[in-house]
Structure formats: C-alpha cells, structure tokens
Amino acid sequence: MSSDDPSAPPPSGVIRTDRLVLRPWRVEDAAAALEVYGSAEVTRWLSPVMDRVPDLAAMRLLLQRWIAEDGRLTAPAGRWALHRADDDRVIGGAVLLPLPPGDEDLEIGWQLHPGAWGEDYAGECAFALARLAFEHGVDEVFAIVRSDNAQDAAAIRSNGMYWVGETRKYFGLELQVYRLRAADLDRAAPEGHRPPR
C-alpha cells in the first residue's frame, strides 16, 4: 500500500478511512465507550459473553485492561476506538484479536453504538482492519457471529466475507464463522456463500 493511502496505518497506530478514524483506546474515552458497551443492545451479541458495563468506573477499569492487553499483543492485533472523521465522535470499537483456543485464527470485529447502525461503518472498519492484517502477512481473518444475530451476519456477508460454517470452538458458544482473504477485498466480487436457513 502506498504511503498516501488514507487507510494505511501510520506509526501511531491510527487507521483512517473515508469516514472513520480508528485509534488506540485511552482511559479518557470512558464516557463515550460507556455509551457503546453500556448498551444491552450491543453487549448481548458479543463473543465472548460480556455483560453490559454498568457505570463509568467499570468502563475506565475495562479500558485500562484493554490498553494493558494491547501492549502485549503482536501486530497487527489490537483494539481501537472507532471515531467518525467528520465530528470526532466515538461511535464504537474495533478489534483484530487472536481467537482461542490456540490463538491461531485472527478475529476481525466491531461494536457500534445503536445510533450508528445501518450506515455501513462496519464494512468500512472491516476492510481497513483486513488490509492491516494482510499487510502483516496474515492469510485470512475471521468474523464470528452468534447464530441468531441476523443483522451482523447480513453486514458481514455484504462486505465480502464468506460463510464457512458453524462451530462451538470459540468461547463455547454456537457461532457462525465467516472468512475473508486478501482476494475477497474486491467488493465487486460475487456474493459469498450463505449459511443454510
């Protein structure tokens, strides 16, 4: 990727897309993060299971934990606060994290404030993180979705990820698994396989 590509990550760990800025979390983000992770509409779909964050103090502690864990991760893995570029508002979070068991597979994920749903921020975020992973020599990334989360499954498929099956391998939950490889980044490619109904 060329140095003038807006989605190329500068050394600071910031990733820019047309409408989004992904940057490492800071403890000062706690109030904005609580609007996302304090929402039961968001946390009910997370894997691993995560309870709704109850208050600002708990959100600060969680952000401190995430920041510390990120310091031990090997690139390209990490967690990012997800901002809208036009107003700098935190609208969610994004992850590129090793999946247990074995940390062999790399999960790409995002959590958006319900007010930001339906704007294809998920797709923009997913493509930016996938490019980052592929630039670091990762062959494929996975998205995992709870079996009854039709909204996220549709968003993932619309962004070129291919359904590869169901598993209880990750987190002991029944999950749909989607895969993206470098060749799949072409949004004009034929639509991915769909899970059985």
C-alpha atoms as a PDB file:
ATOM      1  CA  MET A   1       0.000   0.000   0.000  1.00  0.00           C
ATOM      2  CA  SER A   2       1.357   3.413  -0.833  1.00  0.00           C
ATOM      3  CA  SER A   3       2.180   5.960   1.847  1.00  0.00           C
ATOM      4  CA  ASP A   4      -0.553   8.305   0.588  1.00  0.00           C
ATOM      5  CA  ASP A   5      -3.268   5.652   1.040  1.00  0.00           C
ATOM      6  CA  PRO A   6      -5.614   7.004   3.751  1.00  0.00           C
ATOM      7  CA  SER A   7      -6.252   3.523   5.188  1.00  0.00           C
ATOM      8  CA  ALA A   8      -2.542   2.797   5.684  1.00  0.00           C
ATOM      9  CA  PRO A   9      -1.706   2.856   9.397  1.00  0.00           C
ATOM     10  CA  PRO A  10       0.850   5.474  10.388  1.00  0.00           C
ATOM     11  CA  PRO A  11       3.335   4.568  13.140  1.00  0.00           C
ATOM     12  CA  SER A  12       0.974   5.957  15.799  1.00  0.00           C
ATOM     13  CA  GLY A  13      -1.427   3.038  15.309  1.00  0.00           C
ATOM     14  CA  VAL A  14      -4.109   5.288  13.828  1.00  0.00           C
ATOM     15  CA  ILE A  15      -6.016   3.984  10.808  1.00  0.00           C
ATOM     16  CA  ARG A  16      -8.002   6.369   8.600  1.00  0.00           C
ATOM     17  CA  THR A  17     -10.755   5.560   6.119  1.00  0.00           C
ATOM     18  CA  ASP A  18     -13.048   7.880   4.174  1.00  0.00           C
ATOM     19  CA  ARG A  19     -15.381   8.406   7.135  1.00  0.00           C
ATOM     20  CA  LEU A  20     -13.653   6.844  10.131  1.00  0.00           C
ATOM     21  CA  VAL A  21     -10.612   7.155  12.343  1.00  0.00           C
ATOM     22  CA  LEU A  22      -9.529   4.093  14.327  1.00  0.00           C
ATOM     23  CA  ARG A  23      -7.080   4.837  17.111  1.00  0.00           C
ATOM     24  CA  PRO A  24      -5.956   3.050  20.263  1.00  0.00           C
ATOM     25  CA  TRP A  25      -8.292   3.392  23.252  1.00  0.00           C
ATOM     26  CA  ARG A  26      -7.460   5.884  26.004  1.00  0.00           C
ATOM     27  CA  VAL A  27      -8.877   5.924  29.531  1.00  0.00           C
ATOM     28  CA  GLU A  28     -10.314   9.392  28.752  1.00  0.00           C
ATOM     29  CA  ASP A  29     -12.639   7.641  26.268  1.00  0.00           C
ATOM     30  CA  ALA A  30     -14.583   6.041  29.131  1.00  0.00           C
ATOM     31  CA  ALA A  31     -17.735   8.171  28.857  1.00  0.00           C
ATOM     32  CA  ALA A  32     -18.041   7.645  25.105  1.00  0.00           C
ATOM     33  CA  ALA A  33     -17.160   3.951  25.420  1.00  0.00           C
ATOM     34  CA  LEU A  34     -19.842   3.525  28.080  1.00  0.00           C
ATOM     35  CA  GLU A  35     -22.449   4.709  25.559  1.00  0.00           C
ATOM     36  CA  VAL A  36     -21.487   1.693  23.465  1.00  0.00           C
ATOM     37  CA  TYR A  37     -20.564  -1.014  25.978  1.00  0.00           C
ATOM     38  CA  GLY A  38     -23.176   0.142  28.483  1.00  0.00           C
ATOM     39  CA  SER A  39     -25.877  -0.690  25.935  1.00  0.00           C
ATOM     40  CA  ALA A  40     -27.531  -4.085  26.290  1.00  0.00           C
ATOM     41  CA  GLU A  41     -28.369  -3.856  22.569  1.00  0.00           C
ATOM     42  CA  VAL A  42     -24.630  -4.042  21.878  1.00  0.00           C
ATOM     43  CA  THR A  43     -23.338  -6.391  24.553  1.00  0.00           C
ATOM     44  CA  ARG A  44     -25.967  -9.067  24.054  1.00  0.00           C
ATOM     45  CA  TRP A  45     -24.259 -10.075  20.804  1.00  0.00           C
ATOM     46  CA  LEU A  46     -20.633 -10.058  21.932  1.00  0.00           C
ATOM     47  CA  SER A  47     -18.422 -13.129  21.925  1.00  0.00           C
ATOM     48  CA  PRO A  48     -17.019 -13.901  24.376  1.00  0.00           C
ATOM     49  CA  VAL A  49     -20.035 -13.145  26.507  1.00  0.00           C
ATOM     50  CA  MET A  50     -19.758  -9.697  28.030  1.00  0.00           C
ATOM     51  CA  ASP A  51     -22.185  -8.113  30.452  1.00  0.00           C
ATOM     52  CA  ARG A  52     -23.324  -4.567  29.893  1.00  0.00           C
ATOM     53  CA  VAL A  53     -20.806  -2.225  31.514  1.00  0.00           C
ATOM     54  CA  PRO A  54     -22.772  -0.725  34.434  1.00  0.00           C
ATOM     55  CA  ASP A  55     -21.049   2.609  35.069  1.00  0.00           C
ATOM     56  CA  LEU A  56     -18.189   4.960  34.279  1.00  0.00           C
ATOM     57  CA  ALA A  57     -15.822   3.488  36.886  1.00  0.00           C
ATOM     58  CA  ALA A  58     -16.262  -0.012  35.455  1.00  0.00           C
ATOM     59  CA  MET A  59     -15.717   1.317  31.932  1.00  0.00           C
ATOM     60  CA  ARG A  60     -12.465   3.002  32.994  1.00  0.00           C
ATOM     61  CA  LEU A  61     -11.232  -0.270  34.507  1.00  0.00           C
ATOM     62  CA  LEU A  62     -12.145  -2.194  31.362  1.00  0.00           C
ATOM     63  CA  LEU A  63     -10.350   0.325  29.153  1.00  0.00           C
ATOM     64  CA  GLN A  64      -7.263   0.102  31.387  1.00  0.00           C
ATOM     65  CA  ARG A  65      -7.331  -3.681  30.998  1.00  0.00           C
ATOM     66  CA  TRP A  66      -7.728  -3.456  27.224  1.00  0.00           C
ATOM     67  CA  ILE A  67      -4.877  -0.936  26.953  1.00  0.00           C
ATOM     68  CA  ALA A  68      -2.601  -3.184  29.037  1.00  0.00           C
ATOM     69  CA  GLU A  69      -3.538  -6.270  26.980  1.00  0.00           C
ATOM     70  CA  ASP A  70      -2.923  -4.379  23.735  1.00  0.00           C
ATOM     71  CA  GLY A  71       0.584  -3.606  24.930  1.00  0.00           C
ATOM     72  CA  ARG A  72       1.307  -7.351  24.964  1.00  0.00           C
ATOM     73  CA  LEU A  73      -0.236  -8.147  21.567  1.00  0.00           C
ATOM     74  CA  THR A  74       1.819  -8.682  18.437  1.00  0.00           C
ATOM     75  CA  ALA A  75       0.963  -6.526  15.420  1.00  0.00           C
ATOM     76  CA  PRO A  76      -1.411  -6.408  13.696  1.00  0.00           C
ATOM     77  CA  ALA A  77      -3.593  -7.444  16.648  1.00  0.00           C
ATOM     78  CA  GLY A  78      -5.193  -4.737  18.726  1.00  0.00           C
ATOM     79  CA  ARG A  79      -8.262  -2.816  19.820  1.00  0.00           C
ATOM     80  CA  TRP A  80      -9.296   0.595  18.544  1.00  0.00           C
ATOM     81  CA  ALA A  81     -11.750   3.332  19.410  1.00  0.00           C
ATOM     82  CA  LEU A  82     -13.856   3.979  16.330  1.00  0.00           C
ATOM     83  CA  HIS A  83     -14.486   7.686  15.547  1.00  0.00           C
ATOM     84  CA  ARG A  84     -16.479   9.413  12.860  1.00  0.00           C
ATOM     85  CA  ALA A  85     -13.996  11.607  10.997  1.00  0.00           C
ATOM     86  CA  ASP A  86     -16.440  14.484  10.435  1.00  0.00           C
ATOM     87  CA  ASP A  87     -17.292  15.158  14.097  1.00  0.00           C
ATOM     88  CA  ASP A  88     -14.659  13.090  16.001  1.00  0.00           C
ATOM     89  CA  ARG A  89     -17.431  11.311  17.929  1.00  0.00           C
ATOM     90  CA  VAL A  90     -16.607   7.828  19.284  1.00  0.00           C
ATOM     91  CA  ILE A  91     -19.247   5.567  17.763  1.00  0.00           C
ATOM     92  CA  GLY A  92     -17.821   2.205  18.756  1.00  0.00           C
ATOM     93  CA  GLY A  93     -14.851  -0.072  19.000  1.00  0.00           C
ATOM     94  CA  ALA A  94     -12.988  -2.393  16.670  1.00  0.00           C
ATOM     95  CA  VAL A  95     -10.826  -5.446  17.269  1.00  0.00           C
ATOM     96  CA  LEU A  96      -8.337  -7.620  15.488  1.00  0.00           C
ATOM     97  CA  LEU A  97      -7.660 -10.319  18.086  1.00  0.00           C
ATOM     98  CA  PRO A  98      -6.390 -13.903  18.260  1.00  0.00           C
ATOM     99  CA  LEU A  99      -9.197 -16.392  18.849  1.00  0.00           C
ATOM    100  CA  PRO A 100      -8.919 -19.110  21.481  1.00  0.00           C
ATOM    101  CA  PRO A 101      -8.078 -21.910  21.677  1.00  0.00           C
ATOM    102  CA  GLY A 102      -4.537 -21.687  20.419  1.00  0.00           C
ATOM    103  CA  ASP A 103      -4.671 -18.098  19.140  1.00  0.00           C
ATOM    104  CA  GLU A 104      -4.261 -19.467  15.585  1.00  0.00           C
ATOM    105  CA  ASP A 105      -7.175 -17.607  14.000  1.00  0.00           C
ATOM    106  CA  LEU A 106      -7.463 -13.823  13.937  1.00  0.00           C
ATOM    107  CA  GLU A 107     -10.890 -12.322  14.563  1.00  0.00           C
ATOM    108  CA  ILE A 108     -11.984  -9.076  12.990  1.00  0.00           C
ATOM    109  CA  GLY A 109     -14.822  -7.392  14.835  1.00  0.00           C
ATOM    110  CA  TRP A 110     -16.588  -4.156  15.642  1.00  0.00           C
ATOM    111  CA  GLN A 111     -19.095  -2.905  18.142  1.00  0.00           C
ATOM    112  CA  LEU A 112     -21.145   0.134  17.139  1.00  0.00           C
ATOM    113  CA  HIS A 113     -23.403   2.428  19.123  1.00  0.00           C
ATOM    114  CA  PRO A 114     -27.002   1.613  18.061  1.00  0.00           C
ATOM    115  CA  GLY A 115     -27.342   5.164  16.702  1.00  0.00           C
ATOM    116  CA  ALA A 116     -24.581   4.352  14.181  1.00  0.00           C
ATOM    117  CA  TRP A 117     -26.149   1.135  12.869  1.00  0.00           C
ATOM    118  CA  GLY A 118     -27.188   0.982   9.219  1.00  0.00           C
ATOM    119  CA  GLU A 119     -24.501   3.387   7.915  1.00  0.00           C
ATOM    120  CA  ASP A 120     -22.021   0.686   6.735  1.00  0.00           C
ATOM    121  CA  TYR A 121     -19.414   1.854   9.224  1.00  0.00           C
ATOM    122  CA  ALA A 122     -18.907  -1.848   9.957  1.00  0.00           C
ATOM    123  CA  GLY A 123     -17.874  -2.525   6.373  1.00  0.00           C
ATOM    124  CA  GLU A 124     -15.502   0.416   6.245  1.00  0.00           C
ATOM    125  CA  CYS A 125     -13.929  -0.651   9.527  1.00  0.00           C
ATOM    126  CA  ALA A 126     -13.714  -4.314   8.487  1.00  0.00           C
ATOM    127  CA  PHE A 127     -11.926  -3.530   5.227  1.00  0.00           C
ATOM    128  CA  ALA A 128      -9.421  -1.234   6.958  1.00  0.00           C
ATOM    129  CA  LEU A 129      -8.579  -3.870   9.582  1.00  0.00           C
ATOM    130  CA  ALA A 130      -8.427  -6.643   6.986  1.00  0.00           C
ATOM    131  CA  ARG A 131      -5.958  -4.631   4.919  1.00  0.00           C
ATOM    132  CA  LEU A 132      -3.861  -4.078   8.036  1.00  0.00           C
ATOM    133  CA  ALA A 133      -3.860  -7.822   8.765  1.00  0.00           C
ATOM    134  CA  PHE A 134      -2.946  -8.761   5.194  1.00  0.00           C
ATOM    135  CA  GLU A 135      -0.112  -6.196   5.131  1.00  0.00           C
ATOM    136  CA  HIS A 136       1.302  -8.017   8.165  1.00  0.00           C
ATOM    137  CA  GLY A 137       1.303 -11.357   6.327  1.00  0.00           C
ATOM    138  CA  VAL A 138      -1.916 -12.761   7.788  1.00  0.00           C
ATOM    139  CA  ASP A 139      -3.534 -15.100   5.240  1.00  0.00           C
ATOM    140  CA  GLU A 140      -7.121 -14.831   6.438  1.00  0.00           C
ATOM    141  CA  VAL A 141      -9.276 -13.184   9.074  1.00  0.00           C
ATOM    142  CA  PHE A 142     -12.477 -14.463  10.617  1.00  0.00           C
ATOM    143  CA  ALA A 143     -15.646 -12.881  11.906  1.00  0.00           C
ATOM    144  CA  ILE A 144     -17.761 -14.815  14.373  1.00  0.00           C
ATOM    145  CA  VAL A 145     -21.432 -14.108  14.863  1.00  0.00           C
ATOM    146  CA  ARG A 146     -23.981 -15.558  17.214  1.00  0.00           C
ATOM    147  CA  SER A 147     -26.314 -17.800  15.276  1.00  0.00           C
ATOM    148  CA  ASP A 148     -29.389 -15.652  15.969  1.00  0.00           C
ATOM    149  CA  ASN A 149     -27.736 -12.320  15.056  1.00  0.00           C
ATOM    150  CA  ALA A 150     -29.117 -11.919  11.538  1.00  0.00           C
ATOM    151  CA  GLN A 151     -28.230  -8.209  11.352  1.00  0.00           C
ATOM    152  CA  ASP A 152     -24.492  -8.733  11.866  1.00  0.00           C
ATOM    153  CA  ALA A 153     -24.467 -11.798   9.631  1.00  0.00           C
ATOM    154  CA  ALA A 154     -26.016  -9.748   6.814  1.00  0.00           C
ATOM    155  CA  ALA A 155     -23.480  -6.943   7.324  1.00  0.00           C
ATOM    156  CA  ILE A 156     -20.602  -9.403   7.242  1.00  0.00           C
ATOM    157  CA  ARG A 157     -21.836 -11.100   4.057  1.00  0.00           C
ATOM    158  CA  SER A 158     -22.438  -7.754   2.351  1.00  0.00           C
ATOM    159  CA  ASN A 159     -18.778  -6.920   2.920  1.00  0.00           C
ATOM    160  CA  GLY A 160     -17.466  -9.931   1.035  1.00  0.00           C
ATOM    161  CA  MET A 161     -16.873 -12.358   3.866  1.00  0.00           C
ATOM    162  CA  TYR A 162     -17.653 -15.969   3.093  1.00  0.00           C
ATOM    163  CA  TRP A 163     -19.627 -18.208   5.419  1.00  0.00           C
ATOM    164  CA  VAL A 164     -17.545 -21.262   6.291  1.00  0.00           C
ATOM    165  CA  GLY A 165     -19.745 -22.978   8.853  1.00  0.00           C
ATOM    166  CA  GLU A 166     -20.861 -23.173  12.449  1.00  0.00           C
ATOM    167  CA  THR A 167     -18.734 -24.032  15.441  1.00  0.00           C
ATOM    168  CA  ARG A 168     -18.572 -24.211  19.213  1.00  0.00           C
ATOM    169  CA  LYS A 169     -14.773 -23.954  19.002  1.00  0.00           C
ATOM    170  CA  TYR A 170     -14.697 -20.336  20.136  1.00  0.00           C
ATOM    171  CA  PHE A 171     -15.893 -19.347  23.624  1.00  0.00           C
ATOM    172  CA  GLY A 172     -18.169 -22.403  23.961  1.00  0.00           C
ATOM    173  CA  LEU A 173     -20.966 -20.651  22.031  1.00  0.00           C
ATOM    174  CA  GLU A 174     -22.774 -21.752  18.879  1.00  0.00           C
ATOM    175  CA  LEU A 175     -21.331 -19.308  16.341  1.00  0.00           C
ATOM    176  CA  GLN A 176     -21.455 -18.681  12.609  1.00  0.00           C
ATOM    177  CA  VAL A 177     -17.964 -18.306  11.156  1.00  0.00           C
ATOM    178  CA  TYR A 178     -17.113 -16.087   8.181  1.00  0.00           C
ATOM    179  CA  ARG A 179     -13.732 -15.792   6.478  1.00  0.00           C
ATOM    180  CA  LEU A 180     -12.048 -13.069   4.450  1.00  0.00           C
ATOM    181  CA  ARG A 181      -8.880 -13.499   2.396  1.00  0.00           C
ATOM    182  CA  ALA A 182      -6.939 -10.827   0.548  1.00  0.00           C
ATOM    183  CA  ALA A 183      -8.596 -11.692  -2.780  1.00  0.00           C
ATOM    184  CA  ASP A 184     -12.001 -11.183  -1.163  1.00  0.00           C
ATOM    185  CA  LEU A 185     -11.343  -7.468  -0.571  1.00  0.00           C
ATOM    186  CA  ASP A 186     -12.723  -6.773  -4.019  1.00  0.00           C
ATOM    187  CA  ARG A 187     -16.221  -5.516  -3.212  1.00  0.00           C
ATOM    188  CA  ALA A 188     -17.284  -6.276  -6.790  1.00  0.00           C
ATOM    189  CA  ALA A 189     -16.573  -9.997  -6.353  1.00  0.00           C
ATOM    190  CA  PRO A 190     -19.551 -12.407  -6.382  1.00  0.00           C
ATOM    191  CA  GLU A 191     -21.537 -12.628  -3.153  1.00  0.00           C
ATOM    192  CA  GLY A 192     -20.282 -15.046  -0.516  1.00  0.00           C
ATOM    193  CA  HIS A 193     -21.826 -18.323   0.443  1.00  0.00           C
ATOM    194  CA  ARG A 194     -24.775 -18.086   2.778  1.00  0.00           C
ATOM    195  CA  PRO A 195     -25.464 -20.302   5.765  1.00  0.00           C
ATOM    196  CA  PRO A 196     -28.338 -22.776   5.488  1.00  0.00           C
ATOM    197  CA  ARG A 197     -31.720 -21.494   6.632  1.00  0.00           C
END
